[in-house]
PDB file of N, CA and C in Angstrom:
ATOM      1  N   UNK A   1     -61.208  97.521  52.879  1.00  0.00           N
ATOM      2  CA  UNK A   1     -62.122  96.349  53.071  1.00  0.00           C
ATOM      3  C   UNK A   1     -61.441  95.412  54.160  1.00  0.00           C
ATOM      4  N   UNK A   2     -62.179  95.071  55.102  1.00  0.00           N
ATOM      5  CA  UNK A   2     -61.892  94.128  56.124  1.00  0.00           C
ATOM      6  C   UNK A   2     -62.098  92.704  55.548  1.00  0.00           C
ATOM      7  N   UNK A   3     -61.331  91.690  55.643  1.00  0.00           N
ATOM      8  CA  UNK A   3     -61.560  90.343  55.247  1.00  0.00           C
ATOM      9  C   UNK A   3     -60.925  89.433  56.291  1.00  0.00           C
ATOM     10  N   UNK A   4     -61.774  88.244  56.514  1.00  0.00           N
ATOM     11  CA  UNK A   4     -61.283  87.395  57.494  1.00  0.00           C
ATOM     12  C   UNK A   4     -61.422  85.861  56.737  1.00  0.00           C
ATOM     13  N   UNK A   5     -60.511  85.119  57.189  1.00  0.00           N
ATOM     14  CA  UNK A   5     -60.438  83.697  56.688  1.00  0.00           C
ATOM     15  C   UNK A   5     -60.528  82.670  57.739  1.00  0.00           C
ATOM     16  N   UNK A   6     -61.109  81.654  57.751  1.00  0.00           N
ATOM     17  CA  UNK A   6     -61.246  80.755  58.583  1.00  0.00           C
ATOM     18  C   UNK A   6     -61.430  79.365  58.155  1.00  0.00           C
ATOM     19  N   UNK A   7     -60.493  78.210  58.613  1.00  0.00           N
ATOM     20  CA  UNK A   7     -60.871  76.973  58.273  1.00  0.00           C
ATOM     21  C   UNK A   7     -61.812  76.438  59.125  1.00  0.00           C
ATOM     22  N   UNK A   8     -63.162  76.067  58.560  1.00  0.00           N
ATOM     23  CA  UNK A   8     -64.067  75.655  59.302  1.00  0.00           C
ATOM     24  C   UNK A   8     -63.789  74.144  60.128  1.00  0.00           C
ATOM     25  N   UNK A   9     -64.229  74.036  61.407  1.00  0.00           N
ATOM     26  CA  UNK A   9     -64.030  72.958  62.125  1.00  0.00           C
ATOM     27  C   UNK A   9     -65.405  71.940  62.205  1.00  0.00           C
ATOM     28  N   UNK A  10     -65.343  70.690  62.657  1.00  0.00           N
ATOM     29  CA  UNK A  10     -66.550  70.032  62.826  1.00  0.00           C
ATOM     30  C   UNK A  10     -67.699  70.762  63.526  1.00  0.00           C
ATOM     31  N   UNK A  11     -67.336  71.465  64.518  1.00  0.00           N
ATOM     32  CA  UNK A  11     -68.339  72.071  65.315  1.00  0.00           C
ATOM     33  C   UNK A  11     -68.879  73.144  64.608  1.00  0.00           C
ATOM     34  N   UNK A  12     -68.175  74.003  63.712  1.00  0.00           N
ATOM     35  CA  UNK A  12     -68.606  75.123  62.865  1.00  0.00           C
ATOM     36  C   UNK A  12     -69.711  74.663  62.208  1.00  0.00           C
ATOM     37  N   UNK A  13     -69.406  73.361  61.502  1.00  0.00           N
ATOM     38  CA  UNK A  13     -70.207  72.843  60.456  1.00  0.00           C
ATOM     39  C   UNK A  13     -71.389  72.093  60.994  1.00  0.00           C
ATOM     40  N   UNK A  14     -71.336  71.353  62.006  1.00  0.00           N
ATOM     41  CA  UNK A  14     -72.273  70.442  62.352  1.00  0.00           C
ATOM     42  C   UNK A  14     -73.243  71.341  63.474  1.00  0.00           C
ATOM     43  N   UNK A  15     -72.865  72.365  64.000  1.00  0.00           N
ATOM     44  CA  UNK A  15     -73.593  73.108  65.174  1.00  0.00           C
ATOM     45  C   UNK A  15     -73.986  74.646  64.905  1.00  0.00           C
ATOM     46  N   UNK A  16     -72.799  75.489  65.096  1.00  0.00           N
ATOM     47  CA  UNK A  16     -72.981  76.776  64.819  1.00  0.00           C
ATOM     48  C   UNK A  16     -71.797  77.309  64.809  1.00  0.00           C
ATOM     49  N   UNK A  17     -71.404  78.603  63.814  1.00  0.00           N
ATOM     50  CA  UNK A  17     -70.228  78.906  63.714  1.00  0.00           C
ATOM     51  C   UNK A  17     -69.624  79.796  64.728  1.00  0.00           C
ATOM     52  N   UNK A  18     -68.558  79.550  65.311  1.00  0.00           N
ATOM     53  CA  UNK A  18     -67.811  80.266  66.231  1.00  0.00           C
ATOM     54  C   UNK A  18     -67.135  81.572  65.691  1.00  0.00           C
ATOM     55  N   UNK A  19     -67.612  82.622  66.209  1.00  0.00           N
ATOM     56  CA  UNK A  19     -67.084  84.069  65.677  1.00  0.00           C
ATOM     57  C   UNK A  19     -65.660  84.280  66.263  1.00  0.00           C
ATOM     58  N   UNK A  20     -64.785  84.493  65.755  1.00  0.00           N
ATOM     59  CA  UNK A  20     -63.586  84.891  66.220  1.00  0.00           C
ATOM     60  C   UNK A  20     -63.206  86.369  66.447  1.00  0.00           C
ATOM     61  N   UNK A  21     -62.210  86.586  67.100  1.00  0.00           N
ATOM     62  CA  UNK A  21     -61.746  88.024  67.325  1.00  0.00           C
ATOM     63  C   UNK A  21     -61.644  88.700  66.096  1.00  0.00           C
ATOM     64  N   UNK A  22     -61.056  88.136  64.965  1.00  0.00           N
ATOM     65  CA  UNK A  22     -60.904  88.769  63.639  1.00  0.00           C
ATOM     66  C   UNK A  22     -62.165  89.144  62.997  1.00  0.00           C
ATOM     67  N   UNK A  23     -63.310  88.340  63.269  1.00  0.00           N
ATOM     68  CA  UNK A  23     -64.437  88.903  62.612  1.00  0.00           C
ATOM     69  C   UNK A  23     -64.952  89.839  63.478  1.00  0.00           C
ATOM     70  N   UNK A  24     -64.937  89.837  64.587  1.00  0.00           N
ATOM     71  CA  UNK A  24     -65.562  90.931  65.698  1.00  0.00           C
ATOM     72  C   UNK A  24     -65.191  92.111  65.408  1.00  0.00           C
ATOM     73  N   UNK A  25     -63.999  92.365  64.798  1.00  0.00           N
ATOM     74  CA  UNK A  25     -63.457  93.771  64.552  1.00  0.00           C
ATOM     75  C   UNK A  25     -64.325  94.549  63.512  1.00  0.00           C
ATOM     76  N   UNK A  26     -64.920  93.754  62.778  1.00  0.00           N
ATOM     77  CA  UNK A  26     -65.920  94.550  61.649  1.00  0.00           C
ATOM     78  C   UNK A  26     -67.133  94.269  61.745  1.00  0.00           C
ATOM     79  N   UNK A  27     -67.797  93.382  62.549  1.00  0.00           N
ATOM     80  CA  UNK A  27     -69.224  93.015  62.886  1.00  0.00           C
ATOM     81  C   UNK A  27     -69.877  94.006  63.953  1.00  0.00           C
ATOM     82  N   UNK A  28     -71.143  94.301  63.956  1.00  0.00           N
ATOM     83  CA  UNK A  28     -71.607  95.048  64.983  1.00  0.00           C
ATOM     84  C   UNK A  28     -71.381  94.667  66.260  1.00  0.00           C
ATOM     85  N   UNK A  29     -71.587  95.475  67.070  1.00  0.00           N
ATOM     86  CA  UNK A  29     -71.497  95.192  68.502  1.00  0.00           C
ATOM     87  C   UNK A  29     -72.432  94.085  68.868  1.00  0.00           C
ATOM     88  N   UNK A  30     -72.090  93.185  69.870  1.00  0.00           N
ATOM     89  CA  UNK A  30     -73.134  92.180  70.390  1.00  0.00           C
ATOM     90  C   UNK A  30     -73.831  92.822  71.446  1.00  0.00           C
ATOM     91  N   UNK A  31     -75.164  92.391  71.372  1.00  0.00           N
ATOM     92  CA  UNK A  31     -76.102  92.814  72.384  1.00  0.00           C
ATOM     93  C   UNK A  31     -76.292  91.785  73.342  1.00  0.00           C
ATOM     94  N   UNK A  32     -76.023  91.943  74.507  1.00  0.00           N
ATOM     95  CA  UNK A  32     -76.063  90.679  75.344  1.00  0.00           C
ATOM     96  C   UNK A  32     -77.661  90.302  75.444  1.00  0.00           C
ATOM     97  N   UNK A  33     -78.557  91.151  75.199  1.00  0.00           N
ATOM     98  CA  UNK A  33     -79.966  90.793  75.440  1.00  0.00           C
ATOM     99  C   UNK A  33     -80.421  90.087  74.198  1.00  0.00           C
ATOM    100  N   UNK A  34     -79.925  90.374  72.959  1.00  0.00           N
ATOM    101  CA  UNK A  34     -80.792  90.040  71.796  1.00  0.00           C
ATOM    102  C   UNK A  34     -79.829  89.606  70.889  1.00  0.00           C
ATOM    103  N   UNK A  35     -80.175  88.693  70.025  1.00  0.00           N
ATOM    104  CA  UNK A  35     -79.338  88.351  68.801  1.00  0.00           C
ATOM    105  C   UNK A  35     -79.448  89.375  67.792  1.00  0.00           C
ATOM    106  N   UNK A  36     -78.076  89.633  67.193  1.00  0.00           N
ATOM    107  CA  UNK A  36     -78.054  90.925  66.240  1.00  0.00           C
ATOM    108  C   UNK A  36     -78.084  90.096  64.678  1.00  0.00           C
ATOM    109  N   UNK A  37     -79.120  90.530  63.934  1.00  0.00           N
ATOM    110  CA  UNK A  37     -79.013  90.088  62.468  1.00  0.00           C
ATOM    111  C   UNK A  37     -77.951  90.571  61.625  1.00  0.00           C
ATOM    112  N   UNK A  38     -77.351  89.809  60.947  1.00  0.00           N
ATOM    113  CA  UNK A  38     -76.299  90.229  60.146  1.00  0.00           C
ATOM    114  C   UNK A  38     -76.687  89.560  58.760  1.00  0.00           C
ATOM    115  N   UNK A  39     -76.878  90.647  57.807  1.00  0.00           N
ATOM    116  CA  UNK A  39     -77.370  90.294  56.374  1.00  0.00           C
ATOM    117  C   UNK A  39     -75.979  90.114  55.534  1.00  0.00           C
ATOM    118  N   UNK A  40     -75.810  88.636  54.967  1.00  0.00           N
ATOM    119  CA  UNK A  40     -74.757  88.342  54.123  1.00  0.00           C
ATOM    120  C   UNK A  40     -75.172  87.863  52.915  1.00  0.00           C
ATOM    121  N   UNK A  41     -74.364  88.266  52.070  1.00  0.00           N
ATOM    122  CA  UNK A  41     -74.536  87.821  50.525  1.00  0.00           C
ATOM    123  C   UNK A  41     -73.545  86.953  50.231  1.00  0.00           C
ATOM    124  N   UNK A  42     -73.669  85.639  49.655  1.00  0.00           N
ATOM    125  CA  UNK A  42     -72.855  84.700  49.080  1.00  0.00           C
ATOM    126  C   UNK A  42     -72.350  85.220  47.850  1.00  0.00           C
ATOM    127  N   UNK A  43     -71.355  84.291  47.296  1.00  0.00           N
ATOM    128  CA  UNK A  43     -70.862  84.697  45.959  1.00  0.00           C
ATOM    129  C   UNK A  43     -71.600  84.582  44.774  1.00  0.00           C
ATOM    130  N   UNK A  44     -72.946  83.552  45.040  1.00  0.00           N
ATOM    131  CA  UNK A  44     -73.862  83.594  43.969  1.00  0.00           C
ATOM    132  C   UNK A  44     -74.945  84.441  43.956  1.00  0.00           C
ATOM    133  N   UNK A  45     -74.845  85.498  45.019  1.00  0.00           N
ATOM    134  CA  UNK A  45     -75.769  86.584  45.004  1.00  0.00           C
ATOM    135  C   UNK A  45     -77.063  86.173  46.005  1.00  0.00           C
ATOM    136  N   UNK A  46     -76.939  85.089  46.702  1.00  0.00           N
ATOM    137  CA  UNK A  46     -78.138  84.830  47.607  1.00  0.00           C
ATOM    138  C   UNK A  46     -77.673  85.472  48.887  1.00  0.00           C
ATOM    139  N   UNK A  47     -78.968  85.981  49.498  1.00  0.00           N
ATOM    140  CA  UNK A  47     -78.909  86.628  50.918  1.00  0.00           C
ATOM    141  C   UNK A  47     -79.103  85.657  51.818  1.00  0.00           C
ATOM    142  N   UNK A  48     -78.338  85.656  53.012  1.00  0.00           N
ATOM    143  CA  UNK A  48     -78.780  84.942  54.073  1.00  0.00           C
ATOM    144  C   UNK A  48     -78.686  86.000  55.328  1.00  0.00           C
ATOM    145  N   UNK A  49     -79.455  85.637  56.514  1.00  0.00           N
ATOM    146  CA  UNK A  49     -79.337  86.514  57.653  1.00  0.00           C
ATOM    147  C   UNK A  49     -78.839  85.455  58.585  1.00  0.00           C
ATOM    148  N   UNK A  50     -77.728  85.780  59.307  1.00  0.00           N
ATOM    149  CA  UNK A  50     -77.294  84.868  60.282  1.00  0.00           C
ATOM    150  C   UNK A  50     -77.576  85.837  61.551  1.00  0.00           C
ATOM    151  N   UNK A  51     -77.590  85.120  62.918  1.00  0.00           N
ATOM    152  CA  UNK A  51     -77.812  85.987  64.001  1.00  0.00           C
ATOM    153  C   UNK A  51     -76.541  85.717  64.744  1.00  0.00           C
ATOM    154  N   UNK A  52     -76.033  86.966  65.017  1.00  0.00           N
ATOM    155  CA  UNK A  52     -74.960  87.002  66.023  1.00  0.00           C
ATOM    156  C   UNK A  52     -75.336  87.040  67.422  1.00  0.00           C
ATOM    157  N   UNK A  53     -74.777  86.232  68.255  1.00  0.00           N
ATOM    158  CA  UNK A  53     -75.184  85.912  69.542  1.00  0.00           C
ATOM    159  C   UNK A  53     -74.053  85.707  70.511  1.00  0.00           C
ATOM    160  N   UNK A  54     -74.055  86.513  71.523  1.00  0.00           N
ATOM    161  CA  UNK A  54     -72.929  86.236  72.751  1.00  0.00           C
ATOM    162  C   UNK A  54     -73.424  85.261  73.641  1.00  0.00           C
ATOM    163  N   UNK A  55     -72.658  84.402  73.938  1.00  0.00           N
ATOM    164  CA  UNK A  55     -73.139  83.160  74.840  1.00  0.00           C
ATOM    165  C   UNK A  55     -72.863  83.485  76.130  1.00  0.00           C
ATOM    166  N   UNK A  56     -73.632  83.141  77.063  1.00  0.00           N
ATOM    167  CA  UNK A  56     -73.298  83.020  78.480  1.00  0.00           C
ATOM    168  C   UNK A  56     -72.783  82.010  79.045  1.00  0.00           C
ATOM    169  N   UNK A  57     -72.233  82.270  80.294  1.00  0.00           N
ATOM    170  CA  UNK A  57     -71.611  80.966  80.881  1.00  0.00           C
ATOM    171  C   UNK A  57     -70.171  81.026  80.900  1.00  0.00           C
ATOM    172  N   UNK A  58     -69.569  79.722  80.783  1.00  0.00           N
ATOM    173  CA  UNK A  58     -68.103  79.580  80.940  1.00  0.00           C
ATOM    174  C   UNK A  58     -67.550  79.984  79.460  1.00  0.00           C
ATOM    175  N   UNK A  59     -68.238  79.454  78.370  1.00  0.00           N
ATOM    176  CA  UNK A  59     -67.803  79.732  77.192  1.00  0.00           C
ATOM    177  C   UNK A  59     -68.497  80.733  76.455  1.00  0.00           C
ATOM    178  N   UNK A  60     -67.818  82.171  76.544  1.00  0.00           N
ATOM    179  CA  UNK A  60     -68.443  83.242  76.026  1.00  0.00           C
ATOM    180  C   UNK A  60     -68.112  83.662  74.547  1.00  0.00           C
ATOM    181  N   UNK A  61     -67.701  82.609  74.037  1.00  0.00           N
ATOM    182  CA  UNK A  61     -67.164  83.028  72.547  1.00  0.00           C
ATOM    183  C   UNK A  61     -68.531  83.415  71.422  1.00  0.00           C
ATOM    184  N   UNK A  62     -68.497  84.412  71.038  1.00  0.00           N
ATOM    185  CA  UNK A  62     -69.795  84.626  70.260  1.00  0.00           C
ATOM    186  C   UNK A  62     -70.019  83.641  69.031  1.00  0.00           C
ATOM    187  N   UNK A  63     -71.294  83.582  68.666  1.00  0.00           N
ATOM    188  CA  UNK A  63     -71.377  82.603  67.463  1.00  0.00           C
ATOM    189  C   UNK A  63     -72.460  83.291  66.648  1.00  0.00           C
ATOM    190  N   UNK A  64     -72.496  82.499  65.316  1.00  0.00           N
ATOM    191  CA  UNK A  64     -73.640  82.792  64.470  1.00  0.00           C
ATOM    192  C   UNK A  64     -74.451  81.634  64.809  1.00  0.00           C
ATOM    193  N   UNK A  65     -75.781  81.972  65.235  1.00  0.00           N
ATOM    194  CA  UNK A  65     -76.836  80.877  65.854  1.00  0.00           C
ATOM    195  C   UNK A  65     -77.020  80.037  64.610  1.00  0.00           C
ATOM    196  N   UNK A  66     -77.364  78.658  65.073  1.00  0.00           N
ATOM    197  CA  UNK A  66     -77.605  77.422  64.205  1.00  0.00           C
ATOM    198  C   UNK A  66     -78.519  77.670  63.105  1.00  0.00           C
ATOM    199  N   UNK A  67     -79.627  78.111  63.362  1.00  0.00           N
ATOM    200  CA  UNK A  67     -80.793  78.024  62.527  1.00  0.00           C
ATOM    201  C   UNK A  67     -80.376  78.264  61.010  1.00  0.00           C
ATOM    202  N   UNK A  68     -80.161  79.539  60.913  1.00  0.00           N
ATOM    203  CA  UNK A  68     -79.770  80.194  59.497  1.00  0.00           C
ATOM    204  C   UNK A  68     -78.469  79.682  59.066  1.00  0.00           C
ATOM    205  N   UNK A  69     -77.559  79.552  59.939  1.00  0.00           N
ATOM    206  CA  UNK A  69     -76.052  79.057  59.454  1.00  0.00           C
ATOM    207  C   UNK A  69     -76.216  77.822  58.977  1.00  0.00           C
ATOM    208  N   UNK A  70     -77.030  76.961  59.674  1.00  0.00           N
ATOM    209  CA  UNK A  70     -77.061  75.443  59.166  1.00  0.00           C
ATOM    210  C   UNK A  70     -77.841  75.298  57.847  1.00  0.00           C
ATOM    211  N   UNK A  71     -78.639  76.371  57.355  1.00  0.00           N
ATOM    212  CA  UNK A  71     -79.262  76.357  56.287  1.00  0.00           C
ATOM    213  C   UNK A  71     -78.283  76.544  54.974  1.00  0.00           C
ATOM    214  N   UNK A  72     -77.460  77.551  55.444  1.00  0.00           N
ATOM    215  CA  UNK A  72     -76.234  77.900  54.638  1.00  0.00           C
ATOM    216  C   UNK A  72     -75.421  76.805  54.426  1.00  0.00           C
ATOM    217  N   UNK A  73     -74.944  76.062  55.392  1.00  0.00           N
ATOM    218  CA  UNK A  73     -73.854  74.899  55.557  1.00  0.00           C
ATOM    219  C   UNK A  73     -74.802  73.878  54.540  1.00  0.00           C
ATOM    220  N   UNK A  74     -75.962  73.580  54.746  1.00  0.00           N
ATOM    221  CA  UNK A  74     -76.695  72.287  53.964  1.00  0.00           C
ATOM    222  C   UNK A  74     -76.721  72.616  52.307  1.00  0.00           C
ATOM    223  N   UNK A  75     -77.137  73.865  52.309  1.00  0.00           N
ATOM    224  CA  UNK A  75     -77.348  74.367  50.793  1.00  0.00           C
ATOM    225  C   UNK A  75     -76.082  74.440  50.104  1.00  0.00           C
ATOM    226  N   UNK A  76     -74.925  74.656  50.661  1.00  0.00           N
ATOM    227  CA  UNK A  76     -73.683  74.897  50.012  1.00  0.00           C
ATOM    228  C   UNK A  76     -72.949  73.586  50.101  1.00  0.00           C
ATOM    229  N   UNK A  77     -73.275  72.542  50.811  1.00  0.00           N
ATOM    230  CA  UNK A  77     -72.460  71.229  51.053  1.00  0.00           C
ATOM    231  C   UNK A  77     -71.000  71.666  51.777  1.00  0.00           C
ATOM    232  N   UNK A  78     -71.255  72.146  52.629  1.00  0.00           N
ATOM    233  CA  UNK A  78     -69.986  72.796  53.393  1.00  0.00           C
ATOM    234  C   UNK A  78     -69.474  71.612  54.253  1.00  0.00           C
ATOM    235  N   UNK A  79     -68.154  71.185  54.330  1.00  0.00           N
ATOM    236  CA  UNK A  79     -67.539  70.234  55.154  1.00  0.00           C
ATOM    237  C   UNK A  79     -66.533  70.925  56.110  1.00  0.00           C
ATOM    238  N   UNK A  80     -66.107  70.166  57.283  1.00  0.00           N
ATOM    239  CA  UNK A  80     -64.992  70.703  57.877  1.00  0.00           C
ATOM    240  C   UNK A  80     -63.843  70.633  57.051  1.00  0.00           C
ATOM    241  N   UNK A  81     -63.024  71.653  57.294  1.00  0.00           N
ATOM    242  CA  UNK A  81     -61.631  71.750  56.373  1.00  0.00           C
ATOM    243  C   UNK A  81     -61.856  72.718  55.386  1.00  0.00           C
ATOM    244  N   UNK A  82     -63.260  73.076  54.919  1.00  0.00           N
ATOM    245  CA  UNK A  82     -63.372  74.110  53.908  1.00  0.00           C
ATOM    246  C   UNK A  82     -62.968  75.429  54.429  1.00  0.00           C
ATOM    247  N   UNK A  83     -62.653  76.287  53.865  1.00  0.00           N
ATOM    248  CA  UNK A  83     -62.083  77.805  54.193  1.00  0.00           C
ATOM    249  C   UNK A  83     -63.194  78.688  53.758  1.00  0.00           C
ATOM    250  N   UNK A  84     -63.602  79.445  54.742  1.00  0.00           N
ATOM    251  CA  UNK A  84     -64.424  80.519  54.659  1.00  0.00           C
ATOM    252  C   UNK A  84     -63.932  81.904  54.535  1.00  0.00           C
ATOM    253  N   UNK A  85     -64.285  82.546  53.758  1.00  0.00           N
ATOM    254  CA  UNK A  85     -63.751  83.988  53.587  1.00  0.00           C
ATOM    255  C   UNK A  85     -65.078  84.748  53.867  1.00  0.00           C
ATOM    256  N   UNK A  86     -64.766  85.765  54.644  1.00  0.00           N
ATOM    257  CA  UNK A  86     -65.971  86.702  55.266  1.00  0.00           C
ATOM    258  C   UNK A  86     -65.516  88.124  55.220  1.00  0.00           C
ATOM    259  N   UNK A  87     -66.085  88.953  54.628  1.00  0.00           N
ATOM    260  CA  UNK A  87     -65.572  90.393  54.499  1.00  0.00           C
ATOM    261  C   UNK A  87     -66.733  91.398  54.632  1.00  0.00           C
ATOM    262  N   UNK A  88     -66.378  92.765  54.831  1.00  0.00           N
ATOM    263  CA  UNK A  88     -67.232  93.848  54.917  1.00  0.00           C
ATOM    264  C   UNK A  88     -66.987  94.692  53.626  1.00  0.00           C
ATOM    265  N   UNK A  89     -68.086  95.194  53.168  1.00  0.00           N
ATOM    266  CA  UNK A  89     -67.840  96.058  52.113  1.00  0.00           C
ATOM    267  C   UNK A  89     -68.966  97.076  52.322  1.00  0.00           C
ATOM    268  N   UNK A  90     -68.628  98.396  51.833  1.00  0.00           N
ATOM    269  CA  UNK A  90     -69.639  99.569  51.937  1.00  0.00           C
ATOM    270  C   UNK A  90     -70.311  99.578  50.703  1.00  0.00           C
ATOM    271  N   UNK A  91     -71.552  99.739  50.581  1.00  0.00           N
ATOM    272  CA  UNK A  91     -72.664  99.550  49.530  1.00  0.00           C
ATOM    273  C   UNK A  91     -73.480 100.881  49.602  1.00  0.00           C
ATOM    274  N   UNK A  92     -73.793 101.435  48.589  1.00  0.00           N
ATOM    275  CA  UNK A  92     -74.602 102.469  48.428  1.00  0.00           C
ATOM    276  C   UNK A  92     -76.022 102.341  49.225  1.00  0.00           C
ATOM    277  N   UNK A  93     -76.750 101.206  48.871  1.00  0.00           N
ATOM    278  CA  UNK A  93     -77.914 100.884  49.409  1.00  0.00           C
ATOM    279  C   UNK A  93     -77.983 100.474  50.953  1.00  0.00           C
ATOM    280  N   UNK A  94     -77.044  99.584  51.175  1.00  0.00           N
ATOM    281  CA  UNK A  94     -77.182  98.936  52.559  1.00  0.00           C
ATOM    282  C   UNK A  94     -75.911  99.486  53.452  1.00  0.00           C
ATOM    283  N   UNK A  95     -75.420 100.468  53.088  1.00  0.00           N
ATOM    284  CA  UNK A  95     -74.306 101.057  53.825  1.00  0.00           C
ATOM    285  C   UNK A  95     -73.119 100.092  54.020  1.00  0.00           C
ATOM    286  N   UNK A  96     -73.312  99.260  54.910  1.00  0.00           N
ATOM    287  CA  UNK A  96     -72.372  98.146  55.197  1.00  0.00           C
ATOM    288  C   UNK A  96     -72.940  96.854  54.864  1.00  0.00           C
ATOM    289  N   UNK A  97     -72.266  96.079  54.013  1.00  0.00           N
ATOM    290  CA  UNK A  97     -72.825  94.719  53.705  1.00  0.00           C
ATOM    291  C   UNK A  97     -71.610  93.724  53.857  1.00  0.00           C
ATOM    292  N   UNK A  98     -72.099  92.506  54.260  1.00  0.00           N
ATOM    293  CA  UNK A  98     -71.165  91.416  54.638  1.00  0.00           C
ATOM    294  C   UNK A  98     -71.451  90.440  53.541  1.00  0.00           C
ATOM    295  N   UNK A  99     -70.094  89.913  53.213  1.00  0.00           N
ATOM    296  CA  UNK A  99     -70.009  88.820  52.091  1.00  0.00           C
ATOM    297  C   UNK A  99     -69.218  87.713  52.496  1.00  0.00           C
ATOM    298  N   UNK A 100     -69.703  86.410  52.053  1.00  0.00           N
ATOM    299  CA  UNK A 100     -69.007  85.213  52.391  1.00  0.00           C
ATOM    300  C   UNK A 100     -68.835  84.406  51.020  1.00  0.00           C
ATOM    301  N   UNK A 101     -67.676  83.720  51.136  1.00  0.00           N
ATOM    302  CA  UNK A 101     -67.280  82.859  50.243  1.00  0.00           C
ATOM    303  C   UNK A 101     -66.670  81.658  50.721  1.00  0.00           C
ATOM    304  N   UNK A 102     -66.500  80.547  50.022  1.00  0.00           N
ATOM    305  CA  UNK A 102     -65.958  79.414  50.491  1.00  0.00           C
ATOM    306  C   UNK A 102     -65.053  78.705  49.464  1.00  0.00           C
ATOM    307  N   UNK A 103     -64.084  78.184  50.056  1.00  0.00           N
ATOM    308  CA  UNK A 103     -63.254  77.310  49.145  1.00  0.00           C
ATOM    309  C   UNK A 103     -62.895  76.057  49.652  1.00  0.00           C
ATOM    310  N   UNK A 104     -63.273  74.940  48.740  1.00  0.00           N
ATOM    311  CA  UNK A 104     -62.953  73.727  49.178  1.00  0.00           C
ATOM    312  C   UNK A 104     -61.408  73.155  48.775  1.00  0.00           C
ATOM    313  N   UNK A 105     -60.859  72.605  49.779  1.00  0.00           N
ATOM    314  CA  UNK A 105     -59.398  72.204  49.790  1.00  0.00           C
ATOM    315  C   UNK A 105     -59.364  71.158  48.508  1.00  0.00           C
ATOM    316  N   UNK A 106     -58.255  71.277  47.625  1.00  0.00           N
ATOM    317  CA  UNK A 106     -58.057  70.542  46.514  1.00  0.00           C
ATOM    318  C   UNK A 106     -57.671  69.072  46.923  1.00  0.00           C
ATOM    319  N   UNK A 107     -56.813  68.865  48.025  1.00  0.00           N
ATOM    320  CA  UNK A 107     -56.524  67.643  48.489  1.00  0.00           C
ATOM    321  C   UNK A 107     -57.138  67.342  49.934  1.00  0.00           C
ATOM    322  N   UNK A 108     -58.245  66.945  50.103  1.00  0.00           N
ATOM    323  CA  UNK A 108     -58.693  66.722  51.535  1.00  0.00           C
ATOM    324  C   UNK A 108     -58.054  65.861  52.281  1.00  0.00           C
TER     325      UNK A 108
END
């Protein structure tokens, strides 16, 4: 099982999630022409579909696009400094499934 941990930044929370090299190791390949839907299951069992996008221009760091990511952020009350855990699991029905969990710091 591949697992990735990231402390969320204000930009991750208020705009879109910057996808790091560590996450890219187990996500599908970026399509420069189209956003790639990523089905993600949170620890409550709710399914979200985030869209992986390769950005153009000077800052080419890939991101999860804002629309569905922001829904997740608002529903979960996520704040900068929270820690996101993101991992890949094999599943008999979906073959590869992605999961996400959050940890709020005890002492902000």
